[in-house]
C-alpha atoms as a PDB file:
ATOM      1  CA  MET A   1     -13.808 -19.644  -4.682  1.00  0.00           C
ATOM      2  CA  ASN A   2     -11.078 -21.902  -5.746  1.00  0.00           C
ATOM      3  CA  MET A   3      -7.407 -21.595  -4.819  1.00  0.00           C
ATOM      4  CA  LYS A   4      -6.603 -20.410  -8.201  1.00  0.00           C
ATOM      5  CA  ASN A   5      -8.814 -17.675  -8.429  1.00  0.00           C
ATOM      6  CA  ILE A   6      -7.532 -16.529  -4.799  1.00  0.00           C
ATOM      7  CA  ILE A   7      -3.779 -16.789  -6.016  1.00  0.00           C
ATOM      8  CA  LEU A   8      -4.721 -14.878  -9.240  1.00  0.00           C
ATOM      9  CA  ILE A   9      -6.642 -12.163  -7.233  1.00  0.00           C
ATOM     10  CA  GLY A  10      -3.592 -11.785  -4.481  1.00  0.00           C
ATOM     11  CA  THR A  11      -1.043 -11.801  -7.602  1.00  0.00           C
ATOM     12  CA  VAL A  12      -3.068  -8.697  -9.304  1.00  0.00           C
ATOM     13  CA  VAL A  13      -3.496  -6.976  -5.788  1.00  0.00           C
ATOM     14  CA  VAL A  14       0.510  -7.173  -5.247  1.00  0.00           C
ATOM     15  CA  LEU A  15       0.998  -5.939  -8.923  1.00  0.00           C
ATOM     16  CA  ALA A  16      -1.098  -3.171  -8.381  1.00  0.00           C
ATOM     17  CA  VAL A  17       0.121  -1.819  -5.180  1.00  0.00           C
ATOM     18  CA  SER A  18       3.643  -2.418  -6.686  1.00  0.00           C
ATOM     19  CA  SER A  19       2.868  -0.347  -9.806  1.00  0.00           C
ATOM     20  CA  VAL A  20       1.191   2.483  -7.389  1.00  0.00           C
ATOM     21  CA  PHE A  21       4.350   2.501  -4.924  1.00  0.00           C
ATOM     22  CA  LEU A  22       6.715   2.582  -8.193  1.00  0.00           C
ATOM     23  CA  THR A  23       4.661   5.542  -9.676  1.00  0.00           C
ATOM     24  CA  ILE A  24       4.995   7.534  -6.276  1.00  0.00           C
ATOM     25  CA  GLU A  25       8.726   6.702  -6.128  1.00  0.00           C
ATOM     26  CA  THR A  26       9.323   8.197  -9.403  1.00  0.00           C
ATOM     27  CA  ALA A  27       7.195  11.231  -8.962  1.00  0.00           C
ATOM     28  CA  THR A  28       9.025  11.754  -5.592  1.00  0.00           C
ATOM     29  CA  THR A  29      12.624  11.363  -7.332  1.00  0.00           C
ATOM     30  CA  GLY A  30      11.492  13.629  -9.931  1.00  0.00           C
ATOM     31  CA  VAL A  31      10.428  16.300  -7.751  1.00  0.00           C
ATOM     32  CA  GLU A  32      13.875  16.093  -5.736  1.00  0.00           C
ATOM     33  CA  ILE A  33      16.016  16.464  -9.138  1.00  0.00           C
ATOM     34  CA  ALA A  34      13.897  19.480 -10.262  1.00  0.00           C
ATOM     35  CA  GLY A  35      14.805  20.891  -6.655  1.00  0.00           C
ATOM     36  CA  LEU A  36      18.185  19.915  -6.961  1.00  0.00           C
ATOM     37  CA  GLU A  37      18.802  21.540 -10.312  1.00  0.00           C
ATOM     38  CA  LYS A  38      17.339  24.727  -9.221  1.00  0.00           C
ATOM     39  CA  LYS A  39      19.344  24.843  -6.309  1.00  0.00           C
ATOM     40  CA  GLU A  40      22.565  24.189  -8.452  1.00  0.00           C
ATOM     41  CA  ALA A  41      21.649  26.954 -10.903  1.00  0.00           C
ATOM     42  CA  SER A  42      21.236  29.238  -8.118  1.00  0.00           C
ATOM     43  CA  LEU A  43      24.524  28.421  -6.525  1.00  0.00           C
ATOM     44  CA  ALA A  44      26.076  28.726  -9.838  1.00  0.00           C
ATOM     45  CA  ASP A  45      24.691  32.367 -10.280  1.00  0.00           C
ATOM     46  CA  GLN A  46      25.946  33.077  -6.797  1.00  0.00           C
ATOM     47  CA  LYS A  47      29.484  31.904  -7.390  1.00  0.00           C
ATOM     48  CA  GLN A  48      29.431  34.132 -10.696  1.00  0.00           C
ATOM     49  CA  VAL A  49      28.563  36.985  -8.436  1.00  0.00           C
ATOM     50  CA  LEU A  50      31.011  36.433  -5.968  1.00  0.00           C
ATOM     51  CA  ASP A  51      33.893  35.688  -8.739  1.00  0.00           C
ATOM     52  CA  SER A  52      33.247  39.265 -10.398  1.00  0.00           C
ATOM     53  CA  SER A  53      33.006  40.946  -6.963  1.00  0.00           C
ATOM     54  CA  LEU A  54      36.407  39.200  -5.977  1.00  0.00           C
ATOM     55  CA  LEU A  55      37.751  40.495  -9.297  1.00  0.00           C
ATOM     56  CA  LYS A  56      36.548  43.901  -8.742  1.00  0.00           C
ATOM     57  CA  THR A  57      37.818  44.309  -5.162  1.00  0.00           C
ATOM     58  CA  LEU A  58      41.426  43.274  -5.802  1.00  0.00           C
ATOM     59  CA  SER A  59      43.771  46.444  -6.483  1.00  0.00           C
ATOM     60  CA  VAL A  60      46.554  46.344  -8.059  1.00  0.00           C
ATOM     61  CA  ALA A  61      48.780  46.363  -4.880  1.00  0.00           C
ATOM     62  CA  GLN A  62      47.123  43.494  -3.771  1.00  0.00           C
ATOM     63  CA  LEU A  63      47.494  41.426  -7.128  1.00  0.00           C
ATOM     64  CA  GLN A  64      51.357  42.790  -6.760  1.00  0.00           C
ATOM     65  CA  GLU A  65      51.447  41.062  -3.137  1.00  0.00           C
ATOM     66  CA  LYS A  66      49.671  37.940  -4.357  1.00  0.00           C
ATOM     67  CA  SER A  67      51.767  37.568  -7.183  1.00  0.00           C
ATOM     68  CA  THR A  68      54.496  37.573  -5.036  1.00  0.00           C
ATOM     69  CA  GLU A  69      53.488  35.135  -2.825  1.00  0.00           C
ATOM     70  CA  LEU A  70      52.993  32.791  -5.732  1.00  0.00           C
ATOM     71  CA  GLY A  71      56.678  33.216  -6.776  1.00  0.00           C
ATOM     72  CA  PHE A  72      56.234  35.838  -9.497  1.00  0.00           C
ATOM     73  CA  ILE A  73      59.044  38.496  -9.434  1.00  0.00           C
ATOM     74  CA  LYS A  74      59.294  41.731 -11.558  1.00  0.00           C
ATOM     75  CA  PRO A  75      62.385  41.235 -14.174  1.00  0.00           C
ATOM     76  CA  ALA A  76      65.585  43.414 -13.156  1.00  0.00           C
ATOM     77  CA  ASP A  77      66.200  43.748 -17.251  1.00  0.00           C
ATOM     78  CA  LEU A  78      63.446  43.962 -19.767  1.00  0.00           C
ATOM     79  CA  VAL A  79      64.704  42.421 -23.194  1.00  0.00           C
ATOM     80  CA  TYR A  80      62.525  43.260 -26.305  1.00  0.00           C
ATOM     81  CA  VAL A  81      62.566  40.827 -29.266  1.00  0.00           C
ATOM     82  CA  ALA A  82      62.664  42.482 -32.859  1.00  0.00           C
ATOM     83  CA  GLU A  83      62.058  40.903 -36.209  1.00  0.00           C
ATOM     84  CA  VAL A  84      64.441  38.187 -37.131  1.00  0.00           C
ATOM     85  CA  GLU A  85      66.985  39.506 -39.535  1.00  0.00           C
ATOM     86  CA  PRO A  86      69.415  36.940 -41.542  1.00  0.00           C
ATOM     87  CA  VAL A  87      72.799  36.783 -40.107  1.00  0.00           C
ATOM     88  CA  ALA A  88      74.589  37.261 -43.237  1.00  0.00           C
ATOM     89  CA  LYS A  89      73.369  39.352 -46.197  1.00  0.00           C
ATOM     90  CA  LEU A  90      74.766  39.495 -49.298  1.00  0.00           C
ATOM     91  CA  PRO A  91      74.855  42.786 -51.012  1.00  0.00           C
END
């Protein structure tokens, strides 16, 4: 064998090994992504269940207490707004 054939065979081997390595890495990454997506969906479902559970457990008294902590207060006087009527009417 001459030197050109040895270099050619070496190059083909390196390319083949690189191709196999990249294929394995791509497959592994795909499996990891699928696992993470499944975990994300599970966590989103769990969050929704916890949110609805929290809303069901809050009583009116707890909501009033929390609103007071946030700075909301009950008004002393209520003002009702009626339809707009013209200020000056012609007879």
